[in-house]
Amino acid sequence: MKIIDALQAQEVPNPHDVSARALHKTEHVQVSLITLQPGEALRRHVTPVDAFFYILQGKGMVEVGEEQQTVSSDTLVHSPADIPHRLLNEGREIFQFLVVKTPSQEGPTKVL
């Protein structure tokens, strides 16, 4: 068994310059914890694998393709491979979510 304290996991560099913590990675799945402070956002980007976002805390805007929607805690959003997407924190509270990619992403994220 392996137990990880998500909030104590080391932050990893990313093309969005936001708090990202790598929690788990195998060839089949990759899990990260993203924390967006008020006013922060992920840059619009494309990943070569399917992903989903599970909102843990706060409220924010998610864009997948041409669709936009405000999401909050306990919401899951699917983002298919090769579709532009981003998440934004336009509020006053922390917006925190898990990013789960399957299979694990080996190539770089393409920032648009």
PDB file of N, CA and C in Angstrom:
ATOM      1  N   MET A   1       0.852  -1.169   0.000  1.00  0.00           N
ATOM      2  CA  MET A   1       0.000   0.000   0.000  1.00  0.00           C
ATOM      3  C   MET A   1       0.897   1.231   0.000  1.00  0.00           C
ATOM      4  N   LYS A   2       0.445   2.236  -0.753  1.00  0.00           N
ATOM      5  CA  LYS A   2       1.150   3.511  -0.792  1.00  0.00           C
ATOM      6  C   LYS A   2       0.135   4.594  -0.471  1.00  0.00           C
ATOM      7  N   ILE A   3       0.447   5.432   0.513  1.00  0.00           N
ATOM      8  CA  ILE A   3      -0.449   6.510   0.915  1.00  0.00           C
ATOM      9  C   ILE A   3       0.270   7.833   0.687  1.00  0.00           C
ATOM     10  N   ILE A   4      -0.432   8.761   0.047  1.00  0.00           N
ATOM     11  CA  ILE A   4       0.151  10.064  -0.269  1.00  0.00           C
ATOM     12  C   ILE A   4      -0.702  11.162   0.353  1.00  0.00           C
ATOM     13  N   ASP A   5      -0.074  12.039   1.090  1.00  0.00           N
ATOM     14  CA  ASP A   5      -0.755  13.234   1.591  1.00  0.00           C
ATOM     15  C   ASP A   5      -0.724  14.246   0.447  1.00  0.00           C
ATOM     16  N   ALA A   6      -1.853  14.419  -0.228  1.00  0.00           N
ATOM     17  CA  ALA A   6      -1.914  15.219  -1.446  1.00  0.00           C
ATOM     18  C   ALA A   6      -1.395  16.636  -1.244  1.00  0.00           C
ATOM     19  N   LEU A   7      -1.704  17.248  -0.126  1.00  0.00           N
ATOM     20  CA  LEU A   7      -1.294  18.630   0.092  1.00  0.00           C
ATOM     21  C   LEU A   7       0.187  18.763   0.445  1.00  0.00           C
ATOM     22  N   GLN A   8       0.834  17.627   0.757  1.00  0.00           N
ATOM     23  CA  GLN A   8       2.264  17.641   1.053  1.00  0.00           C
ATOM     24  C   GLN A   8       3.101  17.147  -0.119  1.00  0.00           C
ATOM     25  N   ALA A   9       2.455  16.655  -1.174  1.00  0.00           N
ATOM     26  CA  ALA A   9       3.188  16.196  -2.356  1.00  0.00           C
ATOM     27  C   ALA A   9       3.923  17.383  -2.982  1.00  0.00           C
ATOM     28  N   GLN A  10       5.061  17.100  -3.565  1.00  0.00           N
ATOM     29  CA  GLN A  10       5.880  18.155  -4.148  1.00  0.00           C
ATOM     30  C   GLN A  10       5.205  18.762  -5.374  1.00  0.00           C
ATOM     31  N   GLU A  11       5.268  20.084  -5.463  1.00  0.00           N
ATOM     32  CA  GLU A  11       4.754  20.761  -6.650  1.00  0.00           C
ATOM     33  C   GLU A  11       5.678  20.475  -7.825  1.00  0.00           C
ATOM     34  N   VAL A  12       5.077  20.364  -9.004  1.00  0.00           N
ATOM     35  CA  VAL A  12       5.852  20.085 -10.206  1.00  0.00           C
ATOM     36  C   VAL A  12       5.711  21.250 -11.190  1.00  0.00           C
ATOM     37  N   PRO A  13       6.781  21.547 -11.913  1.00  0.00           N
ATOM     38  CA  PRO A  13       6.704  22.612 -12.918  1.00  0.00           C
ATOM     39  C   PRO A  13       5.675  22.237 -13.993  1.00  0.00           C
ATOM     40  N   ASN A  14       5.004  23.247 -14.536  1.00  0.00           N
ATOM     41  CA  ASN A  14       3.997  22.995 -15.562  1.00  0.00           C
ATOM     42  C   ASN A  14       3.892  24.221 -16.450  1.00  0.00           C
ATOM     43  N   PRO A  15       3.362  24.059 -17.665  1.00  0.00           N
ATOM     44  CA  PRO A  15       3.300  25.192 -18.597  1.00  0.00           C
ATOM     45  C   PRO A  15       2.285  26.262 -18.206  1.00  0.00           C
ATOM     46  N   HIS A  16       1.522  26.026 -17.139  1.00  0.00           N
ATOM     47  CA  HIS A  16       0.488  26.973 -16.717  1.00  0.00           C
ATOM     48  C   HIS A  16       0.956  27.879 -15.578  1.00  0.00           C
ATOM     49  N   ASP A  17       2.101  27.546 -14.976  1.00  0.00           N
ATOM     50  CA  ASP A  17       2.648  28.306 -13.851  1.00  0.00           C
ATOM     51  C   ASP A  17       1.658  28.418 -12.695  1.00  0.00           C
ATOM     52  N   VAL A  18       1.015  27.278 -12.363  1.00  0.00           N
ATOM     53  CA  VAL A  18       0.096  27.212 -11.228  1.00  0.00           C
ATOM     54  C   VAL A  18       0.533  26.073 -10.321  1.00  0.00           C
ATOM     55  N   SER A  19      -0.080  25.962  -9.160  1.00  0.00           N
ATOM     56  CA  SER A  19       0.240  24.886  -8.226  1.00  0.00           C
ATOM     57  C   SER A  19      -0.296  23.557  -8.767  1.00  0.00           C
ATOM     58  N   ALA A  20       0.634  22.659  -9.084  1.00  0.00           N
ATOM     59  CA  ALA A  20       0.280  21.318  -9.571  1.00  0.00           C
ATOM     60  C   ALA A  20       1.108  20.305  -8.799  1.00  0.00           C
ATOM     61  N   ARG A  21       0.439  19.317  -8.252  1.00  0.00           N
ATOM     62  CA  ARG A  21       1.119  18.282  -7.474  1.00  0.00           C
ATOM     63  C   ARG A  21       0.852  16.918  -8.116  1.00  0.00           C
ATOM     64  N   ALA A  22       1.915  16.223  -8.489  1.00  0.00           N
ATOM     65  CA  ALA A  22       1.801  14.886  -9.069  1.00  0.00           C
ATOM     66  C   ALA A  22       1.535  13.900  -7.934  1.00  0.00           C
ATOM     67  N   LEU A  23       0.393  13.227  -7.982  1.00  0.00           N
ATOM     68  CA  LEU A  23       0.015  12.325  -6.900  1.00  0.00           C
ATOM     69  C   LEU A  23       0.251  10.854  -7.228  1.00  0.00           C
ATOM     70  N   HIS A  24       0.069  10.493  -8.497  1.00  0.00           N
ATOM     71  CA  HIS A  24       0.156   9.072  -8.852  1.00  0.00           C
ATOM     72  C   HIS A  24       0.381   8.947 -10.348  1.00  0.00           C
ATOM     73  N   LYS A  25       1.261   8.003 -10.747  1.00  0.00           N
ATOM     74  CA  LYS A  25       1.471   7.767 -12.167  1.00  0.00           C
ATOM     75  C   LYS A  25       1.907   6.331 -12.405  1.00  0.00           C
ATOM     76  N   THR A  26       1.178   5.671 -13.309  1.00  0.00           N
ATOM     77  CA  THR A  26       1.564   4.376 -13.843  1.00  0.00           C
ATOM     78  C   THR A  26       1.406   4.493 -15.355  1.00  0.00           C
ATOM     79  N   GLU A  27       1.662   3.435 -16.078  1.00  0.00           N
ATOM     80  CA  GLU A  27       1.458   3.504 -17.530  1.00  0.00           C
ATOM     81  C   GLU A  27      -0.017   3.653 -17.890  1.00  0.00           C
ATOM     82  N   HIS A  28      -0.904   3.328 -16.963  1.00  0.00           N
ATOM     83  CA  HIS A  28      -2.344   3.323 -17.233  1.00  0.00           C
ATOM     84  C   HIS A  28      -3.064   4.598 -16.811  1.00  0.00           C
ATOM     85  N   VAL A  29      -2.542   5.299 -15.811  1.00  0.00           N
ATOM     86  CA  VAL A  29      -3.252   6.456 -15.271  1.00  0.00           C
ATOM     87  C   VAL A  29      -2.269   7.437 -14.643  1.00  0.00           C
ATOM     88  N   GLN A  30      -2.650   8.708 -14.684  1.00  0.00           N
ATOM     89  CA  GLN A  30      -1.844   9.778 -14.088  1.00  0.00           C
ATOM     90  C   GLN A  30      -2.803  10.695 -13.334  1.00  0.00           C
ATOM     91  N   VAL A  31      -2.473  11.015 -12.075  1.00  0.00           N
ATOM     92  CA  VAL A  31      -3.350  11.843 -11.245  1.00  0.00           C
ATOM     93  C   VAL A  31      -2.561  13.029 -10.693  1.00  0.00           C
ATOM     94  N   SER A  32      -3.137  14.219 -10.872  1.00  0.00           N
ATOM     95  CA  SER A  32      -2.515  15.447 -10.360  1.00  0.00           C
ATOM     96  C   SER A  32      -3.544  16.251  -9.588  1.00  0.00           C
ATOM     97  N   LEU A  33      -3.065  17.023  -8.630  1.00  0.00           N
ATOM     98  CA  LEU A  33      -3.900  17.947  -7.872  1.00  0.00           C
ATOM     99  C   LEU A  33      -3.527  19.353  -8.310  1.00  0.00           C
ATOM    100  N   ILE A  34      -4.518  20.094  -8.811  1.00  0.00           N
ATOM    101  CA  ILE A  34      -4.300  21.472  -9.256  1.00  0.00           C
ATOM    102  C   ILE A  34      -5.038  22.404  -8.309  1.00  0.00           C
ATOM    103  N   THR A  35      -4.361  23.461  -7.883  1.00  0.00           N
ATOM    104  CA  THR A  35      -4.973  24.490  -7.048  1.00  0.00           C
ATOM    105  C   THR A  35      -4.826  25.821  -7.771  1.00  0.00           C
ATOM    106  N   LEU A  36      -5.969  26.428  -8.101  1.00  0.00           N
ATOM    107  CA  LEU A  36      -5.968  27.744  -8.732  1.00  0.00           C
ATOM    108  C   LEU A  36      -6.399  28.785  -7.706  1.00  0.00           C
ATOM    109  N   GLN A  37      -5.544  29.752  -7.497  1.00  0.00           N
ATOM    110  CA  GLN A  37      -5.876  30.876  -6.634  1.00  0.00           C
ATOM    111  C   GLN A  37      -6.831  31.803  -7.394  1.00  0.00           C
ATOM    112  N   PRO A  38      -7.531  32.699  -6.697  1.00  0.00           N
ATOM    113  CA  PRO A  38      -8.403  33.647  -7.401  1.00  0.00           C
ATOM    114  C   PRO A  38      -7.650  34.361  -8.528  1.00  0.00           C
ATOM    115  N   GLY A  39      -8.275  34.370  -9.706  1.00  0.00           N
ATOM    116  CA  GLY A  39      -7.674  35.024 -10.866  1.00  0.00           C
ATOM    117  C   GLY A  39      -6.750  34.140 -11.690  1.00  0.00           C
ATOM    118  N   GLU A  40      -6.371  32.969 -11.189  1.00  0.00           N
ATOM    119  CA  GLU A  40      -5.487  32.085 -11.942  1.00  0.00           C
ATOM    120  C   GLU A  40      -6.291  31.214 -12.907  1.00  0.00           C
ATOM    121  N   ALA A  41      -5.598  30.737 -13.929  1.00  0.00           N
ATOM    122  CA  ALA A  41      -6.241  29.873 -14.925  1.00  0.00           C
ATOM    123  C   ALA A  41      -5.205  28.970 -15.573  1.00  0.00           C
ATOM    124  N   LEU A  42      -5.664  27.831 -16.041  1.00  0.00           N
ATOM    125  CA  LEU A  42      -4.836  27.021 -16.921  1.00  0.00           C
ATOM    126  C   LEU A  42      -4.898  27.669 -18.293  1.00  0.00           C
ATOM    127  N   ARG A  43      -3.796  27.631 -19.014  1.00  0.00           N
ATOM    128  CA  ARG A  43      -3.803  28.121 -20.389  1.00  0.00           C
ATOM    129  C   ARG A  43      -4.584  27.124 -21.242  1.00  0.00           C
ATOM    130  N   ARG A  44      -5.225  27.616 -22.281  1.00  0.00           N
ATOM    131  CA  ARG A  44      -5.937  26.729 -23.202  1.00  0.00           C
ATOM    132  C   ARG A  44      -4.897  25.792 -23.812  1.00  0.00           C
ATOM    133  N   HIS A  45      -5.174  24.488 -23.747  1.00  0.00           N
ATOM    134  CA  HIS A  45      -4.191  23.512 -24.185  1.00  0.00           C
ATOM    135  C   HIS A  45      -4.874  22.233 -24.672  1.00  0.00           C
ATOM    136  N   VAL A  46      -4.057  21.363 -25.266  1.00  0.00           N
ATOM    137  CA  VAL A  46      -4.520  20.078 -25.772  1.00  0.00           C
ATOM    138  C   VAL A  46      -3.620  18.995 -25.202  1.00  0.00           C
ATOM    139  N   THR A  47      -4.220  17.912 -24.748  1.00  0.00           N
ATOM    140  CA  THR A  47      -3.452  16.752 -24.297  1.00  0.00           C
ATOM    141  C   THR A  47      -3.771  15.573 -25.218  1.00  0.00           C
ATOM    142  N   PRO A  48      -2.801  14.688 -25.423  1.00  0.00           N
ATOM    143  CA  PRO A  48      -2.996  13.578 -26.348  1.00  0.00           C
ATOM    144  C   PRO A  48      -3.733  12.379 -25.739  1.00  0.00           C
ATOM    145  N   VAL A  49      -4.245  12.540 -24.526  1.00  0.00           N
ATOM    146  CA  VAL A  49      -4.962  11.447 -23.845  1.00  0.00           C
ATOM    147  C   VAL A  49      -6.269  11.982 -23.260  1.00  0.00           C
ATOM    148  N   ASP A  50      -7.210  11.087 -22.992  1.00  0.00           N
ATOM    149  CA  ASP A  50      -8.444  11.471 -22.308  1.00  0.00           C
ATOM    150  C   ASP A  50      -8.121  11.926 -20.897  1.00  0.00           C
ATOM    151  N   ALA A  51      -8.934  12.848 -20.389  1.00  0.00           N
ATOM    152  CA  ALA A  51      -8.767  13.320 -19.012  1.00  0.00           C
ATOM    153  C   ALA A  51     -10.136  13.574 -18.416  1.00  0.00           C
ATOM    154  N   PHE A  52     -10.174  13.544 -17.083  1.00  0.00           N
ATOM    155  CA  PHE A  52     -11.354  14.085 -16.415  1.00  0.00           C
ATOM    156  C   PHE A  52     -10.895  14.914 -15.241  1.00  0.00           C
ATOM    157  N   PHE A  53     -11.739  15.879 -14.890  1.00  0.00           N
ATOM    158  CA  PHE A  53     -11.470  16.781 -13.777  1.00  0.00           C
ATOM    159  C   PHE A  53     -12.530  16.514 -12.729  1.00  0.00           C
ATOM    160  N   TYR A  54     -12.083  16.292 -11.487  1.00  0.00           N
ATOM    161  CA  TYR A  54     -13.019  16.125 -10.376  1.00  0.00           C
ATOM    162  C   TYR A  54     -12.818  17.315  -9.456  1.00  0.00           C
ATOM    163  N   ILE A  55     -13.856  18.136  -9.325  1.00  0.00           N
ATOM    164  CA  ILE A  55     -13.756  19.364  -8.552  1.00  0.00           C
ATOM    165  C   ILE A  55     -13.861  19.044  -7.065  1.00  0.00           C
ATOM    166  N   LEU A  56     -12.838  19.435  -6.319  1.00  0.00           N
ATOM    167  CA  LEU A  56     -12.782  19.178  -4.882  1.00  0.00           C
ATOM    168  C   LEU A  56     -13.282  20.361  -4.063  1.00  0.00           C
ATOM    169  N   GLN A  57     -12.944  21.563  -4.513  1.00  0.00           N
ATOM    170  CA  GLN A  57     -13.215  22.756  -3.697  1.00  0.00           C
ATOM    171  C   GLN A  57     -13.398  23.958  -4.595  1.00  0.00           C
ATOM    172  N   GLY A  58     -14.322  24.828  -4.210  1.00  0.00           N
ATOM    173  CA  GLY A  58     -14.513  26.085  -4.895  1.00  0.00           C
ATOM    174  C   GLY A  58     -15.404  25.984  -6.113  1.00  0.00           C
ATOM    175  N   LYS A  59     -15.373  27.057  -6.881  1.00  0.00           N
ATOM    176  CA  LYS A  59     -16.179  27.159  -8.090  1.00  0.00           C
ATOM    177  C   LYS A  59     -15.312  27.767  -9.169  1.00  0.00           C
ATOM    178  N   GLY A  60     -15.471  27.282 -10.411  1.00  0.00           N
ATOM    179  CA  GLY A  60     -14.689  27.825 -11.504  1.00  0.00           C
ATOM    180  C   GLY A  60     -15.358  27.566 -12.835  1.00  0.00           C
ATOM    181  N   MET A  61     -14.729  28.065 -13.867  1.00  0.00           N
ATOM    182  CA  MET A  61     -15.215  27.895 -15.230  1.00  0.00           C
ATOM    183  C   MET A  61     -14.373  26.816 -15.895  1.00  0.00           C
ATOM    184  N   VAL A  62     -15.049  25.913 -16.612  1.00  0.00           N
ATOM    185  CA  VAL A  62     -14.343  24.911 -17.396  1.00  0.00           C
ATOM    186  C   VAL A  62     -14.751  25.094 -18.848  1.00  0.00           C
ATOM    187  N   GLU A  63     -13.768  25.022 -19.722  1.00  0.00           N
ATOM    188  CA  GLU A  63     -13.995  25.090 -21.156  1.00  0.00           C
ATOM    189  C   GLU A  63     -13.436  23.822 -21.782  1.00  0.00           C
ATOM    190  N   VAL A  64     -14.272  23.135 -22.551  1.00  0.00           N
ATOM    191  CA  VAL A  64     -13.850  21.954 -23.306  1.00  0.00           C
ATOM    192  C   VAL A  64     -14.392  22.151 -24.714  1.00  0.00           C
ATOM    193  N   GLY A  65     -13.494  22.269 -25.687  1.00  0.00           N
ATOM    194  CA  GLY A  65     -13.923  22.579 -27.047  1.00  0.00           C
ATOM    195  C   GLY A  65     -14.572  23.952 -27.049  1.00  0.00           C
ATOM    196  N   GLU A  66     -15.784  24.025 -27.584  1.00  0.00           N
ATOM    197  CA  GLU A  66     -16.514  25.298 -27.644  1.00  0.00           C
ATOM    198  C   GLU A  66     -17.484  25.476 -26.470  1.00  0.00           C
ATOM    199  N   GLU A  67     -17.551  24.482 -25.581  1.00  0.00           N
ATOM    200  CA  GLU A  67     -18.484  24.537 -24.455  1.00  0.00           C
ATOM    201  C   GLU A  67     -17.834  25.170 -23.238  1.00  0.00           C
ATOM    202  N   GLN A  68     -18.623  25.938 -22.479  1.00  0.00           N
ATOM    203  CA  GLN A  68     -18.190  26.556 -21.225  1.00  0.00           C
ATOM    204  C   GLN A  68     -19.271  26.313 -20.183  1.00  0.00           C
ATOM    205  N   GLN A  69     -18.814  26.041 -18.959  1.00  0.00           N
ATOM    206  CA  GLN A  69     -19.785  25.882 -17.884  1.00  0.00           C
ATOM    207  C   GLN A  69     -19.111  26.148 -16.545  1.00  0.00           C
ATOM    208  N   THR A  70     -19.858  26.756 -15.629  1.00  0.00           N
ATOM    209  CA  THR A  70     -19.392  26.936 -14.265  1.00  0.00           C
ATOM    210  C   THR A  70     -19.598  25.619 -13.531  1.00  0.00           C
ATOM    211  N   VAL A  71     -18.580  25.199 -12.789  1.00  0.00           N
ATOM    212  CA  VAL A  71     -18.634  23.950 -12.040  1.00  0.00           C
ATOM    213  C   VAL A  71     -18.227  24.208 -10.599  1.00  0.00           C
ATOM    214  N   SER A  72     -18.637  23.313  -9.714  1.00  0.00           N
ATOM    215  CA  SER A  72     -18.290  23.438  -8.299  1.00  0.00           C
ATOM    216  C   SER A  72     -18.034  22.057  -7.709  1.00  0.00           C
ATOM    217  N   SER A  73     -17.796  22.028  -6.421  1.00  0.00           N
ATOM    218  CA  SER A  73     -17.429  20.798  -5.708  1.00  0.00           C
ATOM    219  C   SER A  73     -18.298  19.611  -6.093  1.00  0.00           C
ATOM    220  N   ASP A  74     -17.666  18.450  -6.115  1.00  0.00           N
ATOM    221  CA  ASP A  74     -18.318  17.167  -6.384  1.00  0.00           C
ATOM    222  C   ASP A  74     -18.858  17.054  -7.801  1.00  0.00           C
ATOM    223  N   THR A  75     -18.226  17.764  -8.737  1.00  0.00           N
ATOM    224  CA  THR A  75     -18.576  17.687 -10.156  1.00  0.00           C
ATOM    225  C   THR A  75     -17.437  17.014 -10.902  1.00  0.00           C
ATOM    226  N   LEU A  76     -17.779  16.162 -11.869  1.00  0.00           N
ATOM    227  CA  LEU A  76     -16.791  15.509 -12.714  1.00  0.00           C
ATOM    228  C   LEU A  76     -17.017  15.966 -14.152  1.00  0.00           C
ATOM    229  N   VAL A  77     -15.926  16.352 -14.821  1.00  0.00           N
ATOM    230  CA  VAL A  77     -15.991  16.836 -16.200  1.00  0.00           C
ATOM    231  C   VAL A  77     -15.063  15.989 -17.055  1.00  0.00           C
ATOM    232  N   HIS A  78     -15.590  15.430 -18.144  1.00  0.00           N
ATOM    233  CA  HIS A  78     -14.785  14.641 -19.073  1.00  0.00           C
ATOM    234  C   HIS A  78     -14.213  15.560 -20.145  1.00  0.00           C
ATOM    235  N   SER A  79     -12.946  15.364 -20.488  1.00  0.00           N
ATOM    236  CA  SER A  79     -12.275  16.120 -21.537  1.00  0.00           C
ATOM    237  C   SER A  79     -11.591  15.125 -22.472  1.00  0.00           C
ATOM    238  N   PRO A  80     -12.153  14.916 -23.668  1.00  0.00           N
ATOM    239  CA  PRO A  80     -11.572  13.935 -24.601  1.00  0.00           C
ATOM    240  C   PRO A  80     -10.183  14.350 -25.095  1.00  0.00           C
ATOM    241  N   ALA A  81      -9.402  13.375 -25.492  1.00  0.00           N
ATOM    242  CA  ALA A  81      -8.076  13.622 -26.061  1.00  0.00           C
ATOM    243  C   ALA A  81      -8.172  14.560 -27.252  1.00  0.00           C
ATOM    244  N   ASP A  82      -7.151  15.391 -27.412  1.00  0.00           N
ATOM    245  CA  ASP A  82      -6.974  16.261 -28.575  1.00  0.00           C
ATOM    246  C   ASP A  82      -8.029  17.355 -28.729  1.00  0.00           C
ATOM    247  N   ILE A  83      -8.780  17.656 -27.663  1.00  0.00           N
ATOM    248  CA  ILE A  83      -9.764  18.739 -27.681  1.00  0.00           C
ATOM    249  C   ILE A  83      -9.222  19.865 -26.784  1.00  0.00           C
ATOM    250  N   PRO A  84      -9.162  21.106 -27.285  1.00  0.00           N
ATOM    251  CA  PRO A  84      -8.674  22.212 -26.456  1.00  0.00           C
ATOM    252  C   PRO A  84      -9.535  22.382 -25.193  1.00  0.00           C
ATOM    253  N   HIS A  85      -8.874  22.656 -24.077  1.00  0.00           N
ATOM    254  CA  HIS A  85      -9.603  22.844 -22.819  1.00  0.00           C
ATOM    255  C   HIS A  85      -8.791  23.715 -21.865  1.00  0.00           C
ATOM    256  N   ARG A  86      -9.494  24.214 -20.842  1.00  0.00           N
ATOM    257  CA  ARG A  86      -8.838  24.958 -19.765  1.00  0.00           C
ATOM    258  C   ARG A  86      -9.821  25.125 -18.620  1.00  0.00           C
ATOM    259  N   LEU A  87      -9.294  25.435 -17.448  1.00  0.00           N
ATOM    260  CA  LEU A  87     -10.102  25.742 -16.271  1.00  0.00           C
ATOM    261  C   LEU A  87      -9.641  27.080 -15.733  1.00  0.00           C
ATOM    262  N   LEU A  88     -10.602  27.866 -15.222  1.00  0.00           N
ATOM    263  CA  LEU A  88     -10.309  29.218 -14.751  1.00  0.00           C
ATOM    264  C   LEU A  88     -10.951  29.445 -13.390  1.00  0.00           C
ATOM    265  N   ASN A  89     -10.257  30.185 -12.550  1.00  0.00           N
ATOM    266  CA  ASN A  89     -10.824  30.594 -11.272  1.00  0.00           C
ATOM    267  C   ASN A  89     -11.129  32.085 -11.347  1.00  0.00           C
ATOM    268  N   GLU A  90     -12.387  32.390 -11.611  1.00  0.00           N
ATOM    269  CA  GLU A  90     -12.814  33.783 -11.709  1.00  0.00           C
ATOM    270  C   GLU A  90     -13.413  34.285 -10.397  1.00  0.00           C
ATOM    271  N   GLY A  91     -13.389  33.435  -9.382  1.00  0.00           N
ATOM    272  CA  GLY A  91     -13.996  33.783  -8.100  1.00  0.00           C
ATOM    273  C   GLY A  91     -13.004  34.333  -7.098  1.00  0.00           C
ATOM    274  N   ARG A  92     -13.424  34.315  -5.835  1.00  0.00           N
ATOM    275  CA  ARG A  92     -12.612  34.867  -4.741  1.00  0.00           C
ATOM    276  C   ARG A  92     -12.061  33.799  -3.809  1.00  0.00           C
ATOM    277  N   GLU A  93     -12.406  32.554  -4.062  1.00  0.00           N
ATOM    278  CA  GLU A  93     -11.968  31.427  -3.227  1.00  0.00           C
ATOM    279  C   GLU A  93     -11.028  30.534  -4.032  1.00  0.00           C
ATOM    280  N   ILE A  94     -10.346  29.634  -3.352  1.00  0.00           N
ATOM    281  CA  ILE A  94      -9.500  28.643  -4.018  1.00  0.00           C
ATOM    282  C   ILE A  94     -10.382  27.712  -4.845  1.00  0.00           C
ATOM    283  N   PHE A  95      -9.907  27.346  -6.026  1.00  0.00           N
ATOM    284  CA  PHE A  95     -10.556  26.385  -6.915  1.00  0.00           C
ATOM    285  C   PHE A  95      -9.583  25.224  -7.060  1.00  0.00           C
ATOM    286  N   GLN A  96      -9.971  24.064  -6.544  1.00  0.00           N
ATOM    287  CA  GLN A  96      -9.060  22.924  -6.488  1.00  0.00           C
ATOM    288  C   GLN A  96      -9.713  21.701  -7.117  1.00  0.00           C
ATOM    289  N   PHE A  97      -8.938  20.963  -7.926  1.00  0.00           N
ATOM    290  CA  PHE A  97      -9.488  19.806  -8.622  1.00  0.00           C
ATOM    291  C   PHE A  97      -8.407  18.777  -8.913  1.00  0.00           C
ATOM    292  N   LEU A  98      -8.859  17.542  -9.067  1.00  0.00           N
ATOM    293  CA  LEU A  98      -7.994  16.465  -9.519  1.00  0.00           C
ATOM    294  C   LEU A  98      -8.065  16.395 -11.034  1.00  0.00           C
ATOM    295  N   VAL A  99      -6.929  16.117 -11.655  1.00  0.00           N
ATOM    296  CA  VAL A  99      -6.869  15.831 -13.081  1.00  0.00           C
ATOM    297  C   VAL A  99      -6.433  14.376 -13.202  1.00  0.00           C
ATOM    298  N   VAL A 100      -7.254  13.573 -13.868  1.00  0.00           N
ATOM    299  CA  VAL A 100      -6.942  12.166 -14.075  1.00  0.00           C
ATOM    300  C   VAL A 100      -6.824  11.938 -15.575  1.00  0.00           C
ATOM    301  N   LYS A 101      -5.649  11.484 -16.008  1.00  0.00           N
ATOM    302  CA  LYS A 101      -5.402  11.224 -17.432  1.00  0.00           C
ATOM    303  C   LYS A 101      -5.227   9.730 -17.634  1.00  0.00           C
ATOM    304  N   THR A 102      -5.856   9.234 -18.697  1.00  0.00           N
ATOM    305  CA  THR A 102      -5.738   7.813 -18.988  1.00  0.00           C
ATOM    306  C   THR A 102      -5.672   7.576 -20.488  1.00  0.00           C
ATOM    307  N   PRO A 103      -4.659   6.853 -20.928  1.00  0.00           N
ATOM    308  CA  PRO A 103      -3.514   6.365 -20.155  1.00  0.00           C
ATOM    309  C   PRO A 103      -2.609   7.537 -19.771  1.00  0.00           C
ATOM    310  N   SER A 104      -1.539   7.251 -19.054  1.00  0.00           N
ATOM    311  CA  SER A 104      -0.613   8.320 -18.667  1.00  0.00           C
ATOM    312  C   SER A 104      -0.111   9.049 -19.899  1.00  0.00           C
ATOM    313  N   GLN A 105       0.028  10.347 -19.765  1.00  0.00           N
ATOM    314  CA  GLN A 105       0.525  11.163 -20.870  1.00  0.00           C
ATOM    315  C   GLN A 105       2.038  11.074 -20.933  1.00  0.00           C
ATOM    316  N   GLU A 106       2.545  10.694 -22.083  1.00  0.00           N
ATOM    317  CA  GLU A 106       4.004  10.614 -22.264  1.00  0.00           C
ATOM    318  C   GLU A 106       4.537  11.827 -23.008  1.00  0.00           C
ATOM    319  N   GLY A 107       3.781  12.325 -23.966  1.00  0.00           N
ATOM    320  CA  GLY A 107       4.220  13.481 -24.741  1.00  0.00           C
ATOM    321  C   GLY A 107       3.877  14.782 -24.033  1.00  0.00           C
ATOM    322  N   PRO A 108       4.362  15.888 -24.571  1.00  0.00           N
ATOM    323  CA  PRO A 108       4.112  17.188 -23.928  1.00  0.00           C
ATOM    324  C   PRO A 108       2.682  17.671 -24.155  1.00  0.00           C
ATOM    325  N   THR A 109       2.250  18.561 -23.261  1.00  0.00           N
ATOM    326  CA  THR A 109       0.989  19.277 -23.428  1.00  0.00           C
ATOM    327  C   THR A 109       1.227  20.370 -24.460  1.00  0.00           C
ATOM    328  N   LYS A 110       0.286  20.529 -25.364  1.00  0.00           N
ATOM    329  CA  LYS A 110       0.397  21.572 -26.396  1.00  0.00           C
ATOM    330  C   LYS A 110      -0.401  22.784 -25.952  1.00  0.00           C
ATOM    331  N   VAL A 111       0.303  23.856 -25.550  1.00  0.00           N
ATOM    332  CA  VAL A 111      -0.347  25.088 -25.133  1.00  0.00           C
ATOM    333  C   VAL A 111      -0.718  25.876 -26.386  1.00  0.00           C
ATOM    334  N   LEU A 112      -1.942  26.355 -26.425  1.00  0.00           N
ATOM    335  CA  LEU A 112      -2.431  27.090 -27.610  1.00  0.00           C
ATOM    336  C   LEU A 112      -2.281  28.589 -27.455  1.00  0.00           C
TER     337      LEU A 112
END
